[in-house]
């Protein structure tokens, strides 16, 4: 099995493991406008380095009170910096990937993207259950 497939498989298994955390964060995110969640998804999907995503979250948390409500921004940042970093290290150890390589960075970004995807899905689901949710006019 080639390395990329092994990485994708490990990330998928780990993503299933942090689903409950993403669910909780997605529920907390309902205080945030939909456009900001879309922006977070876009940033995560286009980022070439982890610090781009972390900086995006920090700026949004600093500028928007709704990112601080229910501790959404701070908890998201902490989960990425602690839990996902550990997940990346575990995956890299299992697959014999050096920690200071571009491949290790890519593993970290894949984990972040999986988390953000799960958060966005829970956000949409919870928003709809709470009475129609957020729409494009909320932007």
Protein backbone atom coordinates (compact mmCIF):
# COMPACT_ATOMS: atom_id res chain seq x y z
CA UNK A 1 0.00 0.00 0.00
CA UNK A 2 1.44 3.36 -0.93
CA UNK A 3 2.24 6.02 1.70
CA UNK A 4 -0.58 8.43 0.74
CA UNK A 5 -3.20 5.70 1.11
CA UNK A 6 -1.76 4.69 4.48
CA UNK A 7 -1.88 8.32 5.61
CA UNK A 8 -5.46 8.77 4.39
CA UNK A 9 -6.51 5.60 6.21
CA UNK A 10 -4.88 6.63 9.49
CA UNK A 11 -6.39 10.11 9.30
CA UNK A 12 -9.84 8.65 8.63
CA UNK A 13 -9.58 6.32 11.63
CA UNK A 14 -8.43 9.19 13.85
CA UNK A 15 -11.22 11.44 12.55
CA UNK A 16 -13.79 8.88 13.62
CA UNK A 17 -12.15 8.95 17.04
CA UNK A 18 -12.59 12.69 17.50
CA UNK A 19 -16.11 12.83 16.09
CA UNK A 20 -17.69 13.51 19.50
CA UNK A 21 -15.32 16.43 20.07
CA UNK A 22 -16.20 17.84 16.65
CA UNK A 23 -19.88 17.39 17.43
CA UNK A 24 -19.53 19.41 20.64
CA UNK A 25 -17.55 22.13 18.87
CA UNK A 26 -20.09 22.24 16.04
CA UNK A 27 -22.89 22.78 18.55
CA UNK A 28 -20.93 25.60 20.20
CA UNK A 29 -20.28 27.14 16.77
CA UNK A 30 -23.98 27.90 16.26
CA UNK A 31 -23.33 31.32 17.82
CA UNK A 32 -21.10 32.06 14.80
CA UNK A 33 -22.47 33.30 11.50
CA UNK A 34 -22.61 30.76 8.69
CA UNK A 35 -20.28 32.83 6.49
CA UNK A 36 -17.58 32.57 9.16
CA UNK A 37 -17.90 28.78 9.30
CA UNK A 38 -17.68 28.72 5.51
CA UNK A 39 -14.59 30.93 5.77
CA UNK A 40 -13.05 28.55 8.30
CA UNK A 41 -13.69 25.61 5.97
CA UNK A 42 -12.21 27.50 3.05
CA UNK A 43 -9.13 28.48 5.04
CA UNK A 44 -8.56 24.91 6.25
CA UNK A 45 -8.99 23.49 2.76
CA UNK A 46 -6.66 25.96 1.08
CA UNK A 47 -3.99 26.34 3.76
CA UNK A 48 -0.49 25.20 2.94
CA UNK A 49 0.62 25.39 6.55
CA UNK A 50 -0.98 24.78 9.91
CA UNK A 51 -0.15 28.23 11.21
CA UNK A 52 -2.44 29.76 8.56
CA UNK A 53 -5.41 27.92 10.09
CA UNK A 54 -4.34 28.70 13.66
CA UNK A 55 -3.89 32.38 12.83
CA UNK A 56 -7.32 32.49 11.16
CA UNK A 57 -8.93 31.09 14.31
CA UNK A 58 -7.00 33.49 16.55
CA UNK A 59 -7.99 36.54 14.50
CA UNK A 60 -11.66 35.51 14.36
CA UNK A 61 -11.68 34.83 18.09
CA UNK A 62 -10.12 38.21 18.82
CA UNK A 63 -12.42 40.16 16.48
CA UNK A 64 -15.77 38.41 16.93
CA UNK A 65 -17.49 37.96 20.25
CA UNK A 66 -19.49 35.01 18.92
CA UNK A 67 -16.20 33.06 18.53
CA UNK A 68 -15.61 33.63 22.25
CA UNK A 69 -19.18 32.72 23.28
CA UNK A 70 -19.32 29.25 24.74
CA UNK A 71 -15.52 29.23 24.25
CA UNK A 72 -15.85 28.03 20.63
CA UNK A 73 -12.69 29.73 19.29
CA UNK A 74 -10.44 29.01 22.27
CA UNK A 75 -11.57 25.36 22.50
CA UNK A 76 -11.12 24.83 18.77
CA UNK A 77 -7.63 26.30 18.93
CA UNK A 78 -6.71 24.18 21.94
CA UNK A 79 -8.04 20.98 20.34
CA UNK A 80 -6.02 21.57 17.17
CA UNK A 81 -2.84 22.55 19.02
CA UNK A 82 -2.98 19.73 21.55
CA UNK A 83 -5.12 16.80 20.47
CA UNK A 84 -4.54 16.97 16.73
CA UNK A 85 -0.82 17.61 17.19
CA UNK A 86 -0.64 14.44 19.28
CA UNK A 87 -2.68 12.57 16.66
CA UNK A 88 -0.23 13.73 13.99
CA UNK A 89 2.72 12.56 16.06
CA UNK A 90 1.08 9.17 16.58
CA UNK A 91 0.35 8.75 12.87
CA UNK A 92 3.87 9.81 11.95
CA UNK A 93 5.35 7.32 14.43
CA UNK A 94 3.19 4.47 13.09
CA UNK A 95 4.08 5.28 9.47
CA UNK A 96 7.75 6.16 10.14
CA UNK A 97 7.37 9.76 9.01
CA UNK A 98 9.91 12.21 10.45
CA UNK A 99 8.19 14.89 12.55
CA UNK A 100 9.90 17.80 10.83
CA UNK A 101 8.94 16.94 7.24
CA UNK A 102 6.41 18.32 4.80
CA UNK A 103 4.64 14.98 4.95
CA UNK A 104 4.13 15.40 8.72
CA UNK A 105 2.74 18.88 8.05
CA UNK A 106 0.38 17.40 5.46
CA UNK A 107 -0.84 14.82 8.00
CA UNK A 108 -1.58 17.65 10.44
CA UNK A 109 -3.49 19.61 7.77
CA UNK A 110 -5.52 16.51 6.83
CA UNK A 111 -6.50 16.06 10.47
CA UNK A 112 -7.50 19.72 10.74
CA UNK A 113 -9.56 19.50 7.54
CA UNK A 114 -11.36 16.40 8.82
CA UNK A 115 -12.15 18.15 12.11
CA UNK A 116 -13.40 21.32 10.43
CA UNK A 117 -15.56 19.28 8.03
CA UNK A 118 -17.16 17.51 10.99
CA UNK A 119 -17.68 20.79 12.87
CA UNK A 120 -19.32 22.40 9.82
CA UNK A 121 -21.66 19.44 9.35
CA UNK A 122 -22.70 19.53 13.01
CA UNK A 123 -23.10 23.30 12.80
CA UNK A 124 -25.53 22.96 9.88
CA UNK A 125 -27.43 20.14 11.56
CA UNK A 126 -27.74 21.88 14.93
CA UNK A 127 -28.65 25.21 13.33
CA UNK A 128 -31.53 23.60 11.46
CA UNK A 129 -32.79 21.80 14.55
CA UNK A 130 -32.82 25.07 16.48
CA UNK A 131 -35.31 26.65 14.15
CA UNK A 132 -34.13 27.28 10.65
CA UNK A 133 -30.52 28.00 11.42
CA UNK A 134 -28.26 30.49 9.76
CA UNK A 135 -28.41 31.33 6.11
CA UNK A 136 -26.51 33.46 3.65
CA UNK A 137 -28.29 36.60 4.89
CA UNK A 138 -26.62 36.07 8.28
CA UNK A 139 -23.24 36.85 6.77
